Amino acid sequence: MKQKFDIIKSTCVPLPLENVDTDQIIPARFLKATTRNGKFFGDNLFCDWRYLKDGTPNPEFVLNDPRYGGCILVAGKNFGSGSSREHAAWAIAGYGFRVVISSFFADIHKGNELNNFVLPVTVSEGFLSELFASIKADPATEVEVNVPAQTVTNLATGRSERFELNGYKKYCLMNGLDDIDFLLESRAKIEAWEKANAR
């Protein structure tokens, strides 16, 4: 879903597991669906952890814990490893997460998140550990992600870190543009160049 990014302040959903791969994010059996139905994929995010074998919600899994909510997922190191399936990013976006914070992302998954209007924020392992501790101590802990300034702040402690963000993707996120929208924004310039350079 295309949304403009500016300053996001939210409570968080903690997932303190390392090496969460794309098959755990969205199991392979859901890859038969080729249309990006946000509700379908969001409903099946972390399906094998989220639901018991009889289809009922697993009360032990964090997405079913009423203490936690918000549009920020805080995940352990090496998030999104495994296959390159874009469906994993579809599921994260479809659930309603706008930001994922981790100390390391698999490159392809990181790109897929950005292309689906989910911001992957890479922080130090120390900052991530402190954030998990703050959320565990108080599930109402909020985090502020300032996209223009490229900073993330744990509002429980006041500690901030700066995160990297490609300039092109930053522009697209802040203006709610996908790659096609970006090209169309420059349509007049492209057409003028083509006209001037026609043979």
C-alpha atoms as a PDB file:
ATOM      1  CA  MET A   1       0.000   0.000   0.000  1.00  0.00           C
ATOM      2  CA  LYS A   2       1.431   3.340  -1.040  1.00  0.00           C
ATOM      3  CA  GLN A   3       1.828   5.662   1.926  1.00  0.00           C
ATOM      4  CA  LYS A   4       3.942   8.739   2.451  1.00  0.00           C
ATOM      5  CA  PHE A   5       6.613   8.407   5.130  1.00  0.00           C
ATOM      6  CA  ASP A   6       7.566  11.218   7.465  1.00  0.00           C
ATOM      7  CA  ILE A   7       7.758  10.698  11.244  1.00  0.00           C
ATOM      8  CA  ILE A   8       6.284   7.448  12.535  1.00  0.00           C
ATOM      9  CA  LYS A   9       5.679   6.993  16.256  1.00  0.00           C
ATOM     10  CA  SER A  10       4.265   3.679  17.412  1.00  0.00           C
ATOM     11  CA  THR A  11       4.314   0.877  19.915  1.00  0.00           C
ATOM     12  CA  CYS A  12       6.086  -2.258  18.712  1.00  0.00           C
ATOM     13  CA  VAL A  13       5.666  -5.973  18.184  1.00  0.00           C
ATOM     14  CA  PRO A  14       8.805  -7.778  19.412  1.00  0.00           C
ATOM     15  CA  LEU A  15      10.097 -10.879  17.629  1.00  0.00           C
ATOM     16  CA  PRO A  16      13.443 -11.580  19.330  1.00  0.00           C
ATOM     17  CA  LEU A  17      14.369 -14.495  17.069  1.00  0.00           C
ATOM     18  CA  GLU A  18      17.451 -14.568  14.853  1.00  0.00           C
ATOM     19  CA  ASN A  19      17.601 -15.895  11.285  1.00  0.00           C
ATOM     20  CA  VAL A  20      13.885 -15.564  10.574  1.00  0.00           C
ATOM     21  CA  ASP A  21      13.711 -16.589   6.926  1.00  0.00           C
ATOM     22  CA  THR A  22      11.137 -15.839   4.262  1.00  0.00           C
ATOM     23  CA  ASP A  23       9.553 -19.295   4.584  1.00  0.00           C
ATOM     24  CA  GLN A  24       8.791 -18.518   8.206  1.00  0.00           C
ATOM     25  CA  ILE A  25       7.469 -15.088   7.259  1.00  0.00           C
ATOM     26  CA  ILE A  26       5.156 -16.574   4.611  1.00  0.00           C
ATOM     27  CA  PRO A  27       5.254 -20.363   4.074  1.00  0.00           C
ATOM     28  CA  ALA A  28       5.837 -21.702   0.552  1.00  0.00           C
ATOM     29  CA  ARG A  29       2.311 -23.081   0.180  1.00  0.00           C
ATOM     30  CA  PHE A  30       1.001 -19.519  -0.092  1.00  0.00           C
ATOM     31  CA  LEU A  31       3.200 -18.721  -3.096  1.00  0.00           C
ATOM     32  CA  LYS A  32       0.549 -20.144  -5.423  1.00  0.00           C
ATOM     33  CA  ALA A  33      -1.212 -16.801  -5.047  1.00  0.00           C
ATOM     34  CA  THR A  34       0.323 -14.400  -7.543  1.00  0.00           C
ATOM     35  CA  THR A  35      -1.829 -11.333  -6.976  1.00  0.00           C
ATOM     36  CA  ARG A  36      -0.839  -8.993  -4.183  1.00  0.00           C
ATOM     37  CA  ASN A  37      -3.895  -9.328  -1.967  1.00  0.00           C
ATOM     38  CA  GLY A  38      -2.821  -7.486   1.176  1.00  0.00           C
ATOM     39  CA  LYS A  39      -5.431  -9.017   3.469  1.00  0.00           C
ATOM     40  CA  PHE A  40      -4.730 -12.583   2.294  1.00  0.00           C
ATOM     41  CA  PHE A  41      -0.986 -12.301   2.829  1.00  0.00           C
ATOM     42  CA  GLY A  42      -1.330 -10.245   6.024  1.00  0.00           C
ATOM     43  CA  ASP A  43      -3.687 -12.842   7.494  1.00  0.00           C
ATOM     44  CA  ASN A  44      -1.049 -15.517   6.841  1.00  0.00           C
ATOM     45  CA  LEU A  45       2.013 -13.638   8.075  1.00  0.00           C
ATOM     46  CA  PHE A  46       4.055 -16.046  10.265  1.00  0.00           C
ATOM     47  CA  CYS A  47       1.235 -18.545   9.688  1.00  0.00           C
ATOM     48  CA  ASP A  48       2.940 -21.645  11.091  1.00  0.00           C
ATOM     49  CA  TRP A  49       3.845 -19.844  14.315  1.00  0.00           C
ATOM     50  CA  ARG A  50       0.678 -17.786  14.527  1.00  0.00           C
ATOM     51  CA  TYR A  51      -1.861 -20.607  14.265  1.00  0.00           C
ATOM     52  CA  LEU A  52      -2.158 -24.060  15.791  1.00  0.00           C
ATOM     53  CA  LYS A  53      -2.732 -27.117  13.596  1.00  0.00           C
ATOM     54  CA  ASP A  54      -6.499 -26.805  14.046  1.00  0.00           C
ATOM     55  CA  GLY A  55      -6.379 -23.234  12.696  1.00  0.00           C
ATOM     56  CA  THR A  56      -6.969 -21.482  15.999  1.00  0.00           C
ATOM     57  CA  PRO A  57      -4.638 -18.668  17.099  1.00  0.00           C
ATOM     58  CA  ASN A  58      -1.577 -19.785  19.036  1.00  0.00           C
ATOM     59  CA  PRO A  59      -1.804 -17.894  22.345  1.00  0.00           C
ATOM     60  CA  GLU A  60       1.967 -18.184  22.778  1.00  0.00           C
ATOM     61  CA  PHE A  61       2.790 -16.219  19.616  1.00  0.00           C
ATOM     62  CA  VAL A  62       3.366 -12.494  19.861  1.00  0.00           C
ATOM     63  CA  LEU A  63       0.899 -11.461  17.129  1.00  0.00           C
ATOM     64  CA  ASN A  64      -1.845 -13.026  19.257  1.00  0.00           C
ATOM     65  CA  ASP A  65      -0.718 -11.314  22.452  1.00  0.00           C
ATOM     66  CA  PRO A  66      -3.011  -8.321  23.150  1.00  0.00           C
ATOM     67  CA  ARG A  67      -0.222  -6.535  25.015  1.00  0.00           C
ATOM     68  CA  TYR A  68       1.630  -5.865  21.774  1.00  0.00           C
ATOM     69  CA  GLY A  69       0.603  -3.918  18.715  1.00  0.00           C
ATOM     70  CA  GLY A  70       1.473  -1.026  16.462  1.00  0.00           C
ATOM     71  CA  CYS A  71       2.999  -0.626  13.028  1.00  0.00           C
ATOM     72  CA  ILE A  72       6.637  -1.378  13.980  1.00  0.00           C
ATOM     73  CA  LEU A  73       8.041  -4.913  14.047  1.00  0.00           C
ATOM     74  CA  VAL A  74      11.266  -5.334  16.028  1.00  0.00           C
ATOM     75  CA  ALA A  75      13.052  -8.474  14.855  1.00  0.00           C
ATOM     76  CA  GLY A  76      16.236 -10.350  15.668  1.00  0.00           C
ATOM     77  CA  LYS A  77      19.415 -10.372  13.602  1.00  0.00           C
ATOM     78  CA  ASN A  78      19.400 -11.629   9.992  1.00  0.00           C
ATOM     79  CA  PHE A  79      15.754 -10.989   9.209  1.00  0.00           C
ATOM     80  CA  GLY A  80      14.413 -12.114   5.825  1.00  0.00           C
ATOM     81  CA  SER A  81      17.093 -14.616   4.868  1.00  0.00           C
ATOM     82  CA  GLY A  82      16.350 -17.565   2.586  1.00  0.00           C
ATOM     83  CA  SER A  83      14.466 -17.319  -0.694  1.00  0.00           C
ATOM     84  CA  SER A  84      13.917 -14.061  -2.538  1.00  0.00           C
ATOM     85  CA  ARG A  85      10.103 -14.327  -2.529  1.00  0.00           C
ATOM     86  CA  GLU A  86       8.500 -10.899  -2.606  1.00  0.00           C
ATOM     87  CA  HIS A  87       5.447 -12.443  -0.955  1.00  0.00           C
ATOM     88  CA  ALA A  88       7.234 -12.095   2.410  1.00  0.00           C
ATOM     89  CA  ALA A  89       7.243  -8.318   2.044  1.00  0.00           C
ATOM     90  CA  TRP A  90       3.621  -8.443   0.839  1.00  0.00           C
ATOM     91  CA  ALA A  91       2.681 -10.262   4.062  1.00  0.00           C
ATOM     92  CA  ILE A  92       4.496  -7.778   6.299  1.00  0.00           C
ATOM     93  CA  ALA A  93       2.877  -4.834   4.541  1.00  0.00           C
ATOM     94  CA  GLY A  94      -0.499  -6.581   4.393  1.00  0.00           C
ATOM     95  CA  TYR A  95      -0.496  -7.081   8.148  1.00  0.00           C
ATOM     96  CA  GLY A  96      -0.007  -3.343   8.614  1.00  0.00           C
ATOM     97  CA  PHE A  97       3.650  -3.042   9.559  1.00  0.00           C
ATOM     98  CA  ARG A  98       5.264   0.098   8.149  1.00  0.00           C
ATOM     99  CA  VAL A  99       8.692  -0.348   9.759  1.00  0.00           C
ATOM    100  CA  VAL A 100      10.847  -3.366  10.591  1.00  0.00           C
ATOM    101  CA  ILE A 101      13.800  -2.804  12.921  1.00  0.00           C
ATOM    102  CA  SER A 102      16.672  -5.310  13.068  1.00  0.00           C
ATOM    103  CA  SER A 103      20.437  -5.369  13.366  1.00  0.00           C
ATOM    104  CA  PHE A 104      20.783  -7.072   9.962  1.00  0.00           C
ATOM    105  CA  PHE A 105      18.553  -7.729   6.950  1.00  0.00           C
ATOM    106  CA  ALA A 106      19.058 -10.074   4.022  1.00  0.00           C
ATOM    107  CA  ASP A 107      19.735  -7.783   1.044  1.00  0.00           C
ATOM    108  CA  ILE A 108      17.013  -9.032  -1.303  1.00  0.00           C
ATOM    109  CA  HIS A 109      14.358  -8.995   1.391  1.00  0.00           C
ATOM    110  CA  LYS A 110      15.426  -5.505   2.417  1.00  0.00           C
ATOM    111  CA  GLY A 111      14.905  -4.336  -1.170  1.00  0.00           C
ATOM    112  CA  ASN A 112      11.544  -6.100  -1.352  1.00  0.00           C
ATOM    113  CA  GLU A 113      10.391  -4.321   1.806  1.00  0.00           C
ATOM    114  CA  LEU A 114      11.357  -0.932   0.411  1.00  0.00           C
ATOM    115  CA  ASN A 115       9.555  -1.694  -2.862  1.00  0.00           C
ATOM    116  CA  ASN A 116       6.406  -2.498  -0.864  1.00  0.00           C
ATOM    117  CA  PHE A 117       6.430   0.613   1.333  1.00  0.00           C
ATOM    118  CA  VAL A 118       7.869  -1.059   4.411  1.00  0.00           C
ATOM    119  CA  LEU A 119      10.943   0.673   5.842  1.00  0.00           C
ATOM    120  CA  PRO A 120      13.743  -1.646   7.037  1.00  0.00           C
ATOM    121  CA  VAL A 121      15.732   0.135   9.740  1.00  0.00           C
ATOM    122  CA  THR A 122      19.144  -1.337  10.563  1.00  0.00           C
ATOM    123  CA  VAL A 123      20.434  -0.571  14.064  1.00  0.00           C
ATOM    124  CA  SER A 124      23.369  -1.717  16.167  1.00  0.00           C
ATOM    125  CA  GLU A 125      23.038  -4.918  18.151  1.00  0.00           C
ATOM    126  CA  GLY A 126      23.317  -2.900  21.359  1.00  0.00           C
ATOM    127  CA  PHE A 127      20.441  -0.624  20.375  1.00  0.00           C
ATOM    128  CA  LEU A 128      18.341  -3.624  19.341  1.00  0.00           C
ATOM    129  CA  SER A 129      18.977  -5.388  22.667  1.00  0.00           C
ATOM    130  CA  GLU A 130      18.033  -2.266  24.583  1.00  0.00           C
ATOM    131  CA  LEU A 131      14.860  -1.910  22.538  1.00  0.00           C
ATOM    132  CA  PHE A 132      13.817  -5.503  23.225  1.00  0.00           C
ATOM    133  CA  ALA A 133      14.466  -4.913  26.941  1.00  0.00           C
ATOM    134  CA  SER A 134      12.364  -1.734  26.943  1.00  0.00           C
ATOM    135  CA  ILE A 135       9.451  -3.448  25.196  1.00  0.00           C
ATOM    136  CA  LYS A 136       9.628  -6.430  27.552  1.00  0.00           C
ATOM    137  CA  ALA A 137       9.596  -4.122  30.575  1.00  0.00           C
ATOM    138  CA  ASP A 138       6.714  -2.065  29.177  1.00  0.00           C
ATOM    139  CA  PRO A 139       4.742  -3.193  26.097  1.00  0.00           C
ATOM    140  CA  ALA A 140       3.496   0.410  25.755  1.00  0.00           C
ATOM    141  CA  THR A 141       7.037   1.532  24.857  1.00  0.00           C
ATOM    142  CA  GLU A 142       7.008   3.692  21.750  1.00  0.00           C
ATOM    143  CA  VAL A 143       9.617   4.151  19.068  1.00  0.00           C
ATOM    144  CA  GLU A 144       9.940   7.159  16.802  1.00  0.00           C
ATOM    145  CA  VAL A 145      11.268   6.699  13.283  1.00  0.00           C
ATOM    146  CA  ASN A 146      12.120  10.025  11.665  1.00  0.00           C
ATOM    147  CA  VAL A 147      12.538   9.389   7.946  1.00  0.00           C
ATOM    148  CA  PRO A 148      13.672  12.917   6.948  1.00  0.00           C
ATOM    149  CA  ALA A 149      16.390  12.873   9.638  1.00  0.00           C
ATOM    150  CA  GLN A 150      17.026   9.114   9.256  1.00  0.00           C
ATOM    151  CA  THR A 151      16.914   8.555  13.013  1.00  0.00           C
ATOM    152  CA  VAL A 152      15.241   5.971  15.207  1.00  0.00           C
ATOM    153  CA  THR A 153      14.594   6.751  18.877  1.00  0.00           C
ATOM    154  CA  ASN A 154      13.637   4.498  21.775  1.00  0.00           C
ATOM    155  CA  LEU A 155      11.293   6.888  23.594  1.00  0.00           C
ATOM    156  CA  ALA A 156      11.576   4.858  26.800  1.00  0.00           C
ATOM    157  CA  THR A 157      15.278   5.671  27.128  1.00  0.00           C
ATOM    158  CA  GLY A 158      15.703   8.632  24.803  1.00  0.00           C
ATOM    159  CA  ARG A 159      18.502   6.849  22.955  1.00  0.00           C
ATOM    160  CA  SER A 160      18.699   7.440  19.195  1.00  0.00           C
ATOM    161  CA  GLU A 161      20.623   6.024  16.281  1.00  0.00           C
ATOM    162  CA  ARG A 162      20.934   7.123  12.683  1.00  0.00           C
ATOM    163  CA  PHE A 163      20.055   4.598   9.986  1.00  0.00           C
ATOM    164  CA  GLU A 164      21.127   4.407   6.360  1.00  0.00           C
ATOM    165  CA  LEU A 165      18.607   4.931   3.582  1.00  0.00           C
ATOM    166  CA  ASN A 166      19.287   5.186  -0.141  1.00  0.00           C
ATOM    167  CA  GLY A 167      18.509   8.724  -1.357  1.00  0.00           C
ATOM    168  CA  TYR A 168      16.300   7.524  -4.204  1.00  0.00           C
ATOM    169  CA  LYS A 169      14.249   5.242  -1.943  1.00  0.00           C
ATOM    170  CA  LYS A 170      14.001   7.978   0.673  1.00  0.00           C
ATOM    171  CA  TYR A 171      12.539  10.338  -1.916  1.00  0.00           C
ATOM    172  CA  CYS A 172      10.084   7.674  -3.080  1.00  0.00           C
ATOM    173  CA  LEU A 173       8.950   6.778   0.452  1.00  0.00           C
ATOM    174  CA  MET A 174       8.522  10.396   1.508  1.00  0.00           C
ATOM    175  CA  ASN A 175       6.434  11.125  -1.589  1.00  0.00           C
ATOM    176  CA  GLY A 176       4.486   7.859  -1.724  1.00  0.00           C
ATOM    177  CA  LEU A 177       5.962   6.859  -5.084  1.00  0.00           C
ATOM    178  CA  ASP A 178       6.834   3.458  -6.480  1.00  0.00           C
ATOM    179  CA  ASP A 179       9.371   3.090  -9.295  1.00  0.00           C
ATOM    180  CA  ILE A 180       6.757   3.624 -12.031  1.00  0.00           C
ATOM    181  CA  ASP A 181       5.318   6.672 -10.264  1.00  0.00           C
ATOM    182  CA  PHE A 182       8.825   8.120 -10.067  1.00  0.00           C
ATOM    183  CA  LEU A 183       9.314   7.727 -13.818  1.00  0.00           C
ATOM    184  CA  LEU A 184       5.894   9.207 -14.559  1.00  0.00           C
ATOM    185  CA  GLU A 185       6.753  12.185 -12.377  1.00  0.00           C
ATOM    186  CA  SER A 186       9.527  12.948 -14.878  1.00  0.00           C
ATOM    187  CA  ARG A 187       7.427  12.157 -17.951  1.00  0.00           C
ATOM    188  CA  ALA A 188       7.516  15.711 -19.333  1.00  0.00           C
ATOM    189  CA  LYS A 189      11.328  15.820 -19.050  1.00  0.00           C
ATOM    190  CA  ILE A 190      11.681  12.407 -20.682  1.00  0.00           C
ATOM    191  CA  GLU A 191       9.396  13.368 -23.560  1.00  0.00           C
ATOM    192  CA  ALA A 192      11.234  16.678 -24.030  1.00  0.00           C
ATOM    193  CA  TRP A 193      14.577  14.854 -24.171  1.00  0.00           C
ATOM    194  CA  GLU A 194      13.236  12.337 -26.660  1.00  0.00           C
ATOM    195  CA  LYS A 195      11.888  15.115 -28.848  1.00  0.00           C
ATOM    196  CA  ALA A 196      15.158  17.040 -28.712  1.00  0.00           C
ATOM    197  CA  ASN A 197      17.194  13.927 -29.536  1.00  0.00           C
ATOM    198  CA  ALA A 198      14.941  12.398 -32.180  1.00  0.00           C
ATOM    199  CA  ARG A 199      16.761  11.440 -35.361  1.00  0.00           C
END
